[in-house]
Amino acid sequence: MNIAAVAVVVPAHNEAERIVACVRSIRAAADQVAPLPVRTVVVADACTDTTAHLAAREGARTVSINRRNAGAARAAGVRHALALLGSTAGIWLAMTDADSTVPAHWLTRQTAWARRGHDAVLGTIRLAPDPQGACTYARSEHDAAYYRTRPAAEDTTAWEHPHIHGANMGVSATAYRHVGGFAPLTSSEDHDLVARLAQAGHRIARTDDHPVHTAGRLHGRAPAGLAALLRSLHPTARTYALTDPVEEQFPPPHAATEGWPSAAGTPSDATDIEHGDARPGYGAAGARTGDATGTKTTA
């Protein structure tokens, strides 16, 4: 793929405490691919704080919607980015989350995969410390399952991991549009997109070369997301009181069916909805209906 420009899309819901670090890390990554143009779009979805203002102050374009829906937010960000760039051909779309920071070589590695003929790149995450985040036990349980398939230290084989994260992925705009883009799903919109890319025969790279640091918090923004998984691993999980009305699924519904432990359990060989493979048929493409409404953009 001959890359003409890169668009970075970041969905955000009330992330004023984290969005500045996120956008600054993207700027540092953009510097590494100069003079390639990089446009960052932050989608402030149902925000009641200063997320949009802070993102704009750091140089990002912002889009405001009121959907409270990760898939709709990512799709709105892509539409705005492609409108800014005025094209689909030669555009690489990089995705991360507002509670994450990307490494300086993030875009360098993604675009290298694209130039070698890959239509999408799936990266890994590392749990960043969080003052009110998962305890040591939950983090260690998470990591033990997360790295289960990684080659031993003495093995030089690259880790083609099984994970899918909206916080660390990239896709060509052409392939993205070919499969219909992000569906308006509140969770697992990333898995749904990757499943359709795979079904359509697009070439997908899986790499641990550019891990993204993401908040290891217990109360996140997406139901059945990483925060829900970490809560399920917490030794006092059964006593937690949920204060966020969005996070109604506790323990996460995939815990029993896909092998993740309850508070008293241990990980099995299966992987969960947040960290697992894009299985055939996962996330029916037929769910793709509706677009973001009430869209407002700022420079």
C-alpha atoms as a PDB file:
ATOM      1  CA  MET A   1       0.000   0.000   0.000  1.00  0.00           C
ATOM      2  CA  ASN A   2       1.226   3.448  -0.884  1.00  0.00           C
ATOM      3  CA  ILE A   3       0.265   5.608   2.086  1.00  0.00           C
ATOM      4  CA  ALA A   4      -0.773   9.195   1.399  1.00  0.00           C
ATOM      5  CA  ALA A   5      -1.908  10.098   4.923  1.00  0.00           C
ATOM      6  CA  VAL A   6      -2.823   8.655   8.323  1.00  0.00           C
ATOM      7  CA  ALA A   7      -5.954   9.309  10.359  1.00  0.00           C
ATOM      8  CA  VAL A   8      -6.024   8.474  14.065  1.00  0.00           C
ATOM      9  CA  VAL A   9      -9.490   8.022  15.588  1.00  0.00           C
ATOM     10  CA  VAL A  10     -10.098   8.162  19.344  1.00  0.00           C
ATOM     11  CA  PRO A  11     -13.568   7.636  20.868  1.00  0.00           C
ATOM     12  CA  ALA A  12     -14.001   9.245  24.277  1.00  0.00           C
ATOM     13  CA  HIS A  13     -16.673   9.474  26.963  1.00  0.00           C
ATOM     14  CA  ASN A  14     -15.826  11.799  29.864  1.00  0.00           C
ATOM     15  CA  GLU A  15     -12.073  11.248  29.616  1.00  0.00           C
ATOM     16  CA  ALA A  16     -10.887  14.710  30.649  1.00  0.00           C
ATOM     17  CA  GLU A  17      -8.363  13.176  33.042  1.00  0.00           C
ATOM     18  CA  ARG A  18      -6.708  11.077  30.333  1.00  0.00           C
ATOM     19  CA  ILE A  19      -7.296  12.644  26.923  1.00  0.00           C
ATOM     20  CA  VAL A  20      -4.346  15.067  27.075  1.00  0.00           C
ATOM     21  CA  ALA A  21      -1.816  12.271  27.643  1.00  0.00           C
ATOM     22  CA  CYS A  22      -3.445  10.259  24.881  1.00  0.00           C
ATOM     23  CA  VAL A  23      -3.335  13.032  22.270  1.00  0.00           C
ATOM     24  CA  ARG A  24       0.213  14.013  23.208  1.00  0.00           C
ATOM     25  CA  SER A  25       1.387  10.437  22.736  1.00  0.00           C
ATOM     26  CA  ILE A  26      -0.270  10.384  19.300  1.00  0.00           C
ATOM     27  CA  ARG A  27       1.500  13.631  18.386  1.00  0.00           C
ATOM     28  CA  ALA A  28       4.833  12.062  19.334  1.00  0.00           C
ATOM     29  CA  ALA A  29       4.041   9.043  17.153  1.00  0.00           C
ATOM     30  CA  ALA A  30       3.019  11.340  14.290  1.00  0.00           C
ATOM     31  CA  ASP A  31       6.391  13.093  14.476  1.00  0.00           C
ATOM     32  CA  GLN A  32       8.074   9.756  13.740  1.00  0.00           C
ATOM     33  CA  VAL A  33       6.314   9.373  10.359  1.00  0.00           C
ATOM     34  CA  ALA A  34       6.794  12.977   9.181  1.00  0.00           C
ATOM     35  CA  PRO A  35       6.394  14.320   6.544  1.00  0.00           C
ATOM     36  CA  LEU A  36       3.463  11.912   6.183  1.00  0.00           C
ATOM     37  CA  PRO A  37       0.301  13.891   7.105  1.00  0.00           C
ATOM     38  CA  VAL A  38      -1.411  12.662  10.282  1.00  0.00           C
ATOM     39  CA  ARG A  39      -4.854  13.860  11.359  1.00  0.00           C
ATOM     40  CA  THR A  40      -6.153  13.015  14.841  1.00  0.00           C
ATOM     41  CA  VAL A  41      -9.920  12.981  15.435  1.00  0.00           C
ATOM     42  CA  VAL A  42     -11.327  12.667  18.960  1.00  0.00           C
ATOM     43  CA  VAL A  43     -14.999  11.757  19.133  1.00  0.00           C
ATOM     44  CA  ALA A  44     -16.559  13.133  22.313  1.00  0.00           C
ATOM     45  CA  ASP A  45     -19.504  10.818  22.800  1.00  0.00           C
ATOM     46  CA  ALA A  46     -22.120  12.019  25.313  1.00  0.00           C
ATOM     47  CA  CYS A  47     -19.425  13.913  27.213  1.00  0.00           C
ATOM     48  CA  THR A  48     -20.430  16.139  30.118  1.00  0.00           C
ATOM     49  CA  ASP A  49     -16.886  17.216  30.939  1.00  0.00           C
ATOM     50  CA  THR A  50     -14.101  19.090  29.127  1.00  0.00           C
ATOM     51  CA  THR A  51     -12.854  16.170  27.011  1.00  0.00           C
ATOM     52  CA  ALA A  52     -13.558  17.891  23.683  1.00  0.00           C
ATOM     53  CA  HIS A  53     -12.052  21.204  24.787  1.00  0.00           C
ATOM     54  CA  LEU A  54      -8.866  19.587  26.041  1.00  0.00           C
ATOM     55  CA  ALA A  55      -8.464  17.450  22.917  1.00  0.00           C
ATOM     56  CA  ALA A  56      -8.893  20.482  20.659  1.00  0.00           C
ATOM     57  CA  ARG A  57      -6.403  22.445  22.759  1.00  0.00           C
ATOM     58  CA  GLU A  58      -3.854  19.684  22.108  1.00  0.00           C
ATOM     59  CA  GLY A  59      -4.357  19.937  18.350  1.00  0.00           C
ATOM     60  CA  ALA A  60      -6.916  17.205  17.671  1.00  0.00           C
ATOM     61  CA  ARG A  61     -10.028  17.696  15.580  1.00  0.00           C
ATOM     62  CA  THR A  62     -13.129  16.934  17.628  1.00  0.00           C
ATOM     63  CA  VAL A  63     -16.516  15.494  16.795  1.00  0.00           C
ATOM     64  CA  SER A  64     -19.357  15.564  19.331  1.00  0.00           C
ATOM     65  CA  ILE A  65     -22.130  12.963  19.225  1.00  0.00           C
ATOM     66  CA  ASN A  66     -24.683  11.761  21.752  1.00  0.00           C
ATOM     67  CA  ARG A  67     -24.859   8.026  21.182  1.00  0.00           C
ATOM     68  CA  ARG A  68     -23.005   6.467  24.155  1.00  0.00           C
ATOM     69  CA  ASN A  69     -21.914   3.793  21.733  1.00  0.00           C
ATOM     70  CA  ALA A  70     -18.314   2.815  20.972  1.00  0.00           C
ATOM     71  CA  GLY A  71     -19.004   1.535  17.470  1.00  0.00           C
ATOM     72  CA  ALA A  72     -20.987   4.613  16.485  1.00  0.00           C
ATOM     73  CA  ALA A  73     -18.260   6.867  17.905  1.00  0.00           C
ATOM     74  CA  ARG A  74     -15.477   5.120  15.989  1.00  0.00           C
ATOM     75  CA  ALA A  75     -17.525   5.222  12.783  1.00  0.00           C
ATOM     76  CA  ALA A  76     -18.252   8.936  13.226  1.00  0.00           C
ATOM     77  CA  GLY A  77     -14.545   9.603  13.740  1.00  0.00           C
ATOM     78  CA  VAL A  78     -13.599   7.711  10.589  1.00  0.00           C
ATOM     79  CA  ARG A  79     -16.208   9.557   8.518  1.00  0.00           C
ATOM     80  CA  HIS A  80     -14.929  12.906   9.750  1.00  0.00           C
ATOM     81  CA  ALA A  81     -11.283  11.957   9.181  1.00  0.00           C
ATOM     82  CA  LEU A  82     -11.915  10.817   5.618  1.00  0.00           C
ATOM     83  CA  ALA A  83     -13.892  13.995   4.939  1.00  0.00           C
ATOM     84  CA  LEU A  84     -10.938  16.035   6.197  1.00  0.00           C
ATOM     85  CA  LEU A  85      -8.529  14.145   3.976  1.00  0.00           C
ATOM     86  CA  GLY A  86     -10.890  14.131   1.003  1.00  0.00           C
ATOM     87  CA  SER A  87     -10.053  10.604  -0.066  1.00  0.00           C
ATOM     88  CA  THR A  88     -10.092   6.916   0.808  1.00  0.00           C
ATOM     89  CA  ALA A  89      -7.276   5.703  -1.419  1.00  0.00           C
ATOM     90  CA  GLY A  90      -3.923   5.672   0.333  1.00  0.00           C
ATOM     91  CA  ILE A  91      -5.382   6.459   3.768  1.00  0.00           C
ATOM     92  CA  TRP A  92      -4.386   4.402   6.803  1.00  0.00           C
ATOM     93  CA  LEU A  93      -6.771   4.458   9.778  1.00  0.00           C
ATOM     94  CA  ALA A  94      -5.186   3.966  13.219  1.00  0.00           C
ATOM     95  CA  MET A  95      -7.381   3.355  16.263  1.00  0.00           C
ATOM     96  CA  THR A  96      -6.769   3.838  19.954  1.00  0.00           C
ATOM     97  CA  ASP A  97      -8.767   4.713  23.082  1.00  0.00           C
ATOM     98  CA  ALA A  98      -8.881   7.854  25.191  1.00  0.00           C
ATOM     99  CA  ASP A  99      -7.608   6.043  28.303  1.00  0.00           C
ATOM    100  CA  SER A 100      -4.521   4.823  26.436  1.00  0.00           C
ATOM    101  CA  THR A 101      -1.126   6.141  25.391  1.00  0.00           C
ATOM    102  CA  VAL A 102       0.671   4.900  22.297  1.00  0.00           C
ATOM    103  CA  PRO A 103       4.432   4.367  21.914  1.00  0.00           C
ATOM    104  CA  ALA A 104       6.468   6.720  19.743  1.00  0.00           C
ATOM    105  CA  HIS A 105       6.958   4.019  17.094  1.00  0.00           C
ATOM    106  CA  TRP A 106       3.240   3.152  16.964  1.00  0.00           C
ATOM    107  CA  LEU A 107       2.509   4.652  13.549  1.00  0.00           C
ATOM    108  CA  THR A 108       5.926   3.742  12.170  1.00  0.00           C
ATOM    109  CA  ARG A 109       5.263   0.041  12.782  1.00  0.00           C
ATOM    110  CA  GLN A 110       1.668   0.135  11.559  1.00  0.00           C
ATOM    111  CA  THR A 111       2.536   1.862   8.302  1.00  0.00           C
ATOM    112  CA  ALA A 112       5.433  -0.549   7.757  1.00  0.00           C
ATOM    113  CA  TRP A 113       2.974  -3.470   7.884  1.00  0.00           C
ATOM    114  CA  ALA A 114       0.691  -1.609   5.484  1.00  0.00           C
ATOM    115  CA  ARG A 115       3.492  -1.020   3.005  1.00  0.00           C
ATOM    116  CA  ARG A 116       4.242  -4.757   3.103  1.00  0.00           C
ATOM    117  CA  GLY A 117       0.737  -5.449   1.883  1.00  0.00           C
ATOM    118  CA  HIS A 118      -1.334  -5.914   5.032  1.00  0.00           C
ATOM    119  CA  ASP A 119      -4.841  -4.492   5.140  1.00  0.00           C
ATOM    120  CA  ALA A 120      -5.079  -4.416   8.947  1.00  0.00           C
ATOM    121  CA  VAL A 121      -2.763  -4.596  11.958  1.00  0.00           C
ATOM    122  CA  LEU A 122      -3.765  -5.846  15.411  1.00  0.00           C
ATOM    123  CA  GLY A 123      -1.516  -4.787  18.277  1.00  0.00           C
ATOM    124  CA  THR A 124      -1.368  -5.647  21.970  1.00  0.00           C
ATOM    125  CA  ILE A 125      -1.843  -3.741  25.211  1.00  0.00           C
ATOM    126  CA  ARG A 126      -0.103  -3.379  28.548  1.00  0.00           C
ATOM    127  CA  LEU A 127      -2.013  -2.446  31.670  1.00  0.00           C
ATOM    128  CA  ALA A 128      -0.893   0.963  32.888  1.00  0.00           C
ATOM    129  CA  PRO A 129      -0.956   1.714  36.629  1.00  0.00           C
ATOM    130  CA  ASP A 130      -4.200   3.278  37.792  1.00  0.00           C
ATOM    131  CA  PRO A 131      -4.634   4.816  41.284  1.00  0.00           C
ATOM    132  CA  GLN A 132      -8.062   3.208  41.601  1.00  0.00           C
ATOM    133  CA  GLY A 133      -7.385   0.301  39.298  1.00  0.00           C
ATOM    134  CA  ALA A 134      -7.070  -3.427  39.529  1.00  0.00           C
ATOM    135  CA  CYS A 135      -5.168  -4.882  42.444  1.00  0.00           C
ATOM    136  CA  THR A 136      -1.975  -6.884  42.001  1.00  0.00           C
ATOM    137  CA  TYR A 137      -3.889 -10.168  42.053  1.00  0.00           C
ATOM    138  CA  ALA A 138      -6.305  -9.135  39.287  1.00  0.00           C
ATOM    139  CA  ARG A 139      -3.493  -7.749  37.146  1.00  0.00           C
ATOM    140  CA  SER A 140      -1.399 -10.889  37.516  1.00  0.00           C
ATOM    141  CA  GLU A 141      -4.402 -13.107  36.693  1.00  0.00           C
ATOM    142  CA  HIS A 142      -5.082 -10.989  33.613  1.00  0.00           C
ATOM    143  CA  ASP A 143      -1.477 -11.094  32.437  1.00  0.00           C
ATOM    144  CA  ALA A 144      -1.145 -14.838  32.989  1.00  0.00           C
ATOM    145  CA  ALA A 145      -4.045 -15.492  30.643  1.00  0.00           C
ATOM    146  CA  TYR A 146      -3.112 -12.692  28.233  1.00  0.00           C
ATOM    147  CA  TYR A 147       0.420 -13.962  27.611  1.00  0.00           C
ATOM    148  CA  ARG A 148      -0.471 -17.653  27.622  1.00  0.00           C
ATOM    149  CA  THR A 149       0.280 -18.084  23.904  1.00  0.00           C
ATOM    150  CA  ARG A 150       3.444 -15.957  23.837  1.00  0.00           C
ATOM    151  CA  PRO A 151       6.608 -17.876  22.889  1.00  0.00           C
ATOM    152  CA  ALA A 152       9.153 -18.526  25.613  1.00  0.00           C
ATOM    153  CA  ALA A 153      11.917 -15.966  26.080  1.00  0.00           C
ATOM    154  CA  GLU A 154      14.469 -18.180  24.315  1.00  0.00           C
ATOM    155  CA  ASP A 155      12.138 -18.649  21.333  1.00  0.00           C
ATOM    156  CA  THR A 156      12.770 -16.012  18.654  1.00  0.00           C
ATOM    157  CA  THR A 157       9.449 -16.684  16.930  1.00  0.00           C
ATOM    158  CA  ALA A 158       7.284 -13.573  16.636  1.00  0.00           C
ATOM    159  CA  TRP A 159       4.142 -13.692  18.761  1.00  0.00           C
ATOM    160  CA  GLU A 160       1.119 -13.819  16.469  1.00  0.00           C
ATOM    161  CA  HIS A 161      -1.195 -13.155  19.384  1.00  0.00           C
ATOM    162  CA  PRO A 162      -4.942 -13.915  19.484  1.00  0.00           C
ATOM    163  CA  HIS A 163      -6.034 -10.520  20.834  1.00  0.00           C
ATOM    164  CA  ILE A 164      -8.152  -7.729  19.356  1.00  0.00           C
ATOM    165  CA  HIS A 165      -8.186  -4.245  20.846  1.00  0.00           C
ATOM    166  CA  GLY A 166      -9.805  -1.081  19.572  1.00  0.00           C
ATOM    167  CA  ALA A 167      -7.051   0.611  21.591  1.00  0.00           C
ATOM    168  CA  ASN A 168      -4.394  -0.734  19.225  1.00  0.00           C
ATOM    169  CA  MET A 169      -5.396  -1.488  15.674  1.00  0.00           C
ATOM    170  CA  GLY A 170      -5.052  -0.108  12.183  1.00  0.00           C
ATOM    171  CA  VAL A 171      -6.810  -0.721   8.884  1.00  0.00           C
ATOM    172  CA  SER A 172      -6.634   0.677   5.383  1.00  0.00           C
ATOM    173  CA  ALA A 173      -9.563   2.950   4.584  1.00  0.00           C
ATOM    174  CA  THR A 174     -10.221   0.917   1.446  1.00  0.00           C
ATOM    175  CA  ALA A 175     -10.561  -2.352   3.378  1.00  0.00           C
ATOM    176  CA  TYR A 176     -12.583  -0.594   6.079  1.00  0.00           C
ATOM    177  CA  ARG A 177     -15.133   0.654   3.584  1.00  0.00           C
ATOM    178  CA  HIS A 178     -15.142  -2.646   1.710  1.00  0.00           C
ATOM    179  CA  VAL A 179     -16.564  -4.454   4.774  1.00  0.00           C
ATOM    180  CA  GLY A 180     -18.924  -1.682   5.851  1.00  0.00           C
ATOM    181  CA  GLY A 181     -16.958  -0.057   8.676  1.00  0.00           C
ATOM    182  CA  PHE A 182     -17.683  -0.154  12.397  1.00  0.00           C
ATOM    183  CA  ALA A 183     -21.119  -1.353  13.422  1.00  0.00           C
ATOM    184  CA  PRO A 184     -22.965   0.663  16.108  1.00  0.00           C
ATOM    185  CA  LEU A 185     -22.211  -1.810  18.892  1.00  0.00           C
ATOM    186  CA  THR A 186     -21.707  -0.701  22.504  1.00  0.00           C
ATOM    187  CA  SER A 187     -18.980  -3.356  22.943  1.00  0.00           C
ATOM    188  CA  SER A 188     -16.890  -5.634  20.727  1.00  0.00           C
ATOM    189  CA  GLU A 189     -17.215  -3.380  17.694  1.00  0.00           C
ATOM    190  CA  ASP A 190     -13.526  -4.063  17.115  1.00  0.00           C
ATOM    191  CA  HIS A 191     -14.080  -7.852  17.066  1.00  0.00           C
ATOM    192  CA  ASP A 192     -17.006  -7.437  14.697  1.00  0.00           C
ATOM    193  CA  LEU A 193     -14.947  -5.383  12.241  1.00  0.00           C
ATOM    194  CA  VAL A 194     -12.005  -7.802  12.321  1.00  0.00           C
ATOM    195  CA  ALA A 195     -14.311 -10.786  11.785  1.00  0.00           C
ATOM    196  CA  ARG A 196     -15.691  -9.182   8.645  1.00  0.00           C
ATOM    197  CA  LEU A 197     -12.215  -8.241   7.402  1.00  0.00           C
ATOM    198  CA  ALA A 198     -11.116 -11.858   7.831  1.00  0.00           C
ATOM    199  CA  GLN A 199     -14.236 -13.224   6.167  1.00  0.00           C
ATOM    200  CA  ALA A 200     -13.633 -10.915   3.197  1.00  0.00           C
ATOM    201  CA  GLY A 201     -10.094 -12.258   2.798  1.00  0.00           C
ATOM    202  CA  HIS A 202      -8.188  -9.164   3.859  1.00  0.00           C
ATOM    203  CA  ARG A 203      -4.626  -9.690   5.047  1.00  0.00           C
ATOM    204  CA  ILE A 204      -4.321  -9.114   8.807  1.00  0.00           C
ATOM    205  CA  ALA A 205      -1.087  -8.839  10.814  1.00  0.00           C
ATOM    206  CA  ARG A 206      -0.948  -9.642  14.535  1.00  0.00           C
ATOM    207  CA  THR A 207       2.036  -8.174  16.326  1.00  0.00           C
ATOM    208  CA  ASP A 208       3.410  -7.348  19.763  1.00  0.00           C
ATOM    209  CA  ASP A 209       5.901  -4.853  18.305  1.00  0.00           C
ATOM    210  CA  HIS A 210       4.038  -1.691  19.357  1.00  0.00           C
ATOM    211  CA  PRO A 211       2.027  -2.330  22.556  1.00  0.00           C
ATOM    212  CA  VAL A 212      -0.253   0.431  23.815  1.00  0.00           C
ATOM    213  CA  HIS A 213      -0.552   1.257  27.507  1.00  0.00           C
ATOM    214  CA  THR A 214      -4.184   1.310  28.590  1.00  0.00           C
ATOM    215  CA  ALA A 215      -5.724   2.104  31.963  1.00  0.00           C
ATOM    216  CA  GLY A 216      -6.070  -0.909  34.241  1.00  0.00           C
ATOM    217  CA  ARG A 217      -9.168   0.524  35.875  1.00  0.00           C
ATOM    218  CA  LEU A 218     -12.107  -1.350  37.349  1.00  0.00           C
ATOM    219  CA  HIS A 219     -14.806   1.008  36.083  1.00  0.00           C
ATOM    220  CA  GLY A 220     -14.435   1.741  32.400  1.00  0.00           C
ATOM    221  CA  ARG A 221     -16.645   3.154  29.685  1.00  0.00           C
ATOM    222  CA  ALA A 222     -17.747   0.083  27.692  1.00  0.00           C
ATOM    223  CA  PRO A 223     -19.946  -2.646  29.129  1.00  0.00           C
ATOM    224  CA  ALA A 224     -18.283  -6.062  28.972  1.00  0.00           C
ATOM    225  CA  GLY A 225     -14.947  -4.369  28.249  1.00  0.00           C
ATOM    226  CA  LEU A 226     -11.538  -4.591  29.886  1.00  0.00           C
ATOM    227  CA  ALA A 227     -12.680  -2.976  33.143  1.00  0.00           C
ATOM    228  CA  ALA A 228     -15.446  -5.562  33.527  1.00  0.00           C
ATOM    229  CA  LEU A 229     -12.912  -8.326  32.967  1.00  0.00           C
ATOM    230  CA  LEU A 230     -10.559  -6.921  35.602  1.00  0.00           C
ATOM    231  CA  ARG A 231     -13.415  -6.607  38.071  1.00  0.00           C
ATOM    232  CA  SER A 232     -14.263 -10.256  37.533  1.00  0.00           C
ATOM    233  CA  LEU A 233     -10.675 -11.152  38.435  1.00  0.00           C
ATOM    234  CA  HIS A 234     -10.657  -9.034  41.599  1.00  0.00           C
ATOM    235  CA  PRO A 235     -10.654 -11.121  44.812  1.00  0.00           C
ATOM    236  CA  THR A 236     -13.531  -9.057  46.200  1.00  0.00           C
ATOM    237  CA  ALA A 237     -15.453  -9.031  42.933  1.00  0.00           C
ATOM    238  CA  ARG A 238     -18.636 -10.409  44.411  1.00  0.00           C
ATOM    239  CA  THR A 239     -18.909  -7.513  46.865  1.00  0.00           C
ATOM    240  CA  TYR A 240     -18.437  -4.686  44.367  1.00  0.00           C
ATOM    241  CA  ALA A 241     -21.310  -2.264  44.026  1.00  0.00           C
ATOM    242  CA  LEU A 242     -21.735  -0.900  40.519  1.00  0.00           C
ATOM    243  CA  THR A 243     -22.211   2.851  40.469  1.00  0.00           C
ATOM    244  CA  ASP A 244     -21.964   3.353  36.693  1.00  0.00           C
ATOM    245  CA  PRO A 245     -25.394   2.568  35.194  1.00  0.00           C
ATOM    246  CA  VAL A 246     -23.763   1.723  31.872  1.00  0.00           C
ATOM    247  CA  GLU A 247     -21.847  -1.166  33.392  1.00  0.00           C
ATOM    248  CA  GLU A 248     -24.764  -3.447  34.086  1.00  0.00           C
ATOM    249  CA  GLN A 249     -23.131  -6.742  33.174  1.00  0.00           C
ATOM    250  CA  PHE A 250     -21.304  -8.130  36.181  1.00  0.00           C
ATOM    251  CA  PRO A 251     -19.629 -10.516  36.065  1.00  0.00           C
ATOM    252  CA  PRO A 252     -19.162 -10.061  32.311  1.00  0.00           C
ATOM    253  CA  PRO A 253     -21.514 -12.398  30.444  1.00  0.00           C
ATOM    254  CA  HIS A 254     -18.662 -14.093  28.580  1.00  0.00           C
ATOM    255  CA  ALA A 255     -16.853 -15.125  31.774  1.00  0.00           C
ATOM    256  CA  ALA A 256     -18.521 -18.485  32.182  1.00  0.00           C
ATOM    257  CA  THR A 257     -18.947 -19.349  28.519  1.00  0.00           C
ATOM    258  CA  GLU A 258     -15.486 -18.389  27.304  1.00  0.00           C
ATOM    259  CA  GLY A 259     -13.235 -19.482  30.106  1.00  0.00           C
ATOM    260  CA  TRP A 260     -12.456 -16.431  32.198  1.00  0.00           C
ATOM    261  CA  PRO A 261     -12.636 -17.001  35.925  1.00  0.00           C
ATOM    262  CA  SER A 262     -15.139 -15.908  38.490  1.00  0.00           C
ATOM    263  CA  ALA A 263     -13.742 -14.383  41.660  1.00  0.00           C
ATOM    264  CA  ALA A 264     -12.807 -17.831  42.906  1.00  0.00           C
ATOM    265  CA  GLY A 265     -11.809 -19.352  39.578  1.00  0.00           C
ATOM    266  CA  THR A 266      -8.714 -19.564  37.436  1.00  0.00           C
ATOM    267  CA  PRO A 267      -8.241 -18.828  33.741  1.00  0.00           C
ATOM    268  CA  SER A 268      -8.825 -21.649  31.302  1.00  0.00           C
ATOM    269  CA  ASP A 269      -7.304 -22.018  27.862  1.00  0.00           C
ATOM    270  CA  ALA A 270     -10.169 -20.094  26.319  1.00  0.00           C
ATOM    271  CA  THR A 271     -10.077 -16.377  25.574  1.00  0.00           C
ATOM    272  CA  ASP A 272     -12.717 -13.782  26.326  1.00  0.00           C
ATOM    273  CA  ILE A 273     -14.769 -11.336  24.324  1.00  0.00           C
ATOM    274  CA  GLU A 274     -12.274  -8.508  24.909  1.00  0.00           C
ATOM    275  CA  HIS A 275      -9.064 -10.434  24.364  1.00  0.00           C
ATOM    276  CA  GLY A 276     -10.019 -13.372  22.201  1.00  0.00           C
ATOM    277  CA  ASP A 277      -9.882 -14.348  18.566  1.00  0.00           C
ATOM    278  CA  ALA A 278     -12.208 -12.885  15.989  1.00  0.00           C
ATOM    279  CA  ARG A 279     -14.190 -16.079  15.636  1.00  0.00           C
ATOM    280  CA  PRO A 280     -16.106 -16.825  12.408  1.00  0.00           C
ATOM    281  CA  GLY A 281     -19.564 -15.367  12.647  1.00  0.00           C
ATOM    282  CA  TYR A 282     -18.832 -13.324  15.782  1.00  0.00           C
ATOM    283  CA  GLY A 283     -20.761 -10.080  15.815  1.00  0.00           C
ATOM    284  CA  ALA A 284     -23.203 -10.419  12.952  1.00  0.00           C
ATOM    285  CA  ALA A 285     -22.649  -7.849  10.258  1.00  0.00           C
ATOM    286  CA  GLY A 286     -26.422  -7.613   9.997  1.00  0.00           C
ATOM    287  CA  ALA A 287     -26.346  -5.495  13.171  1.00  0.00           C
ATOM    288  CA  ARG A 288     -24.933  -2.584  11.197  1.00  0.00           C
ATOM    289  CA  THR A 289     -27.816  -0.138  11.146  1.00  0.00           C
ATOM    290  CA  GLY A 290     -27.951   3.573  11.800  1.00  0.00           C
ATOM    291  CA  ASP A 291     -25.411   6.362  11.814  1.00  0.00           C
ATOM    292  CA  ALA A 292     -24.293   8.810  14.461  1.00  0.00           C
ATOM    293  CA  THR A 293     -26.771  11.613  14.938  1.00  0.00           C
ATOM    294  CA  GLY A 294     -26.475  15.081  16.309  1.00  0.00           C
ATOM    295  CA  THR A 295     -22.923  15.397  14.997  1.00  0.00           C
ATOM    296  CA  LYS A 296     -21.007  18.591  15.711  1.00  0.00           C
ATOM    297  CA  THR A 297     -17.436  19.172  14.605  1.00  0.00           C
ATOM    298  CA  THR A 298     -14.738  21.595  15.642  1.00  0.00           C
ATOM    299  CA  ALA A 299     -11.289  22.267  14.306  1.00  0.00           C
END
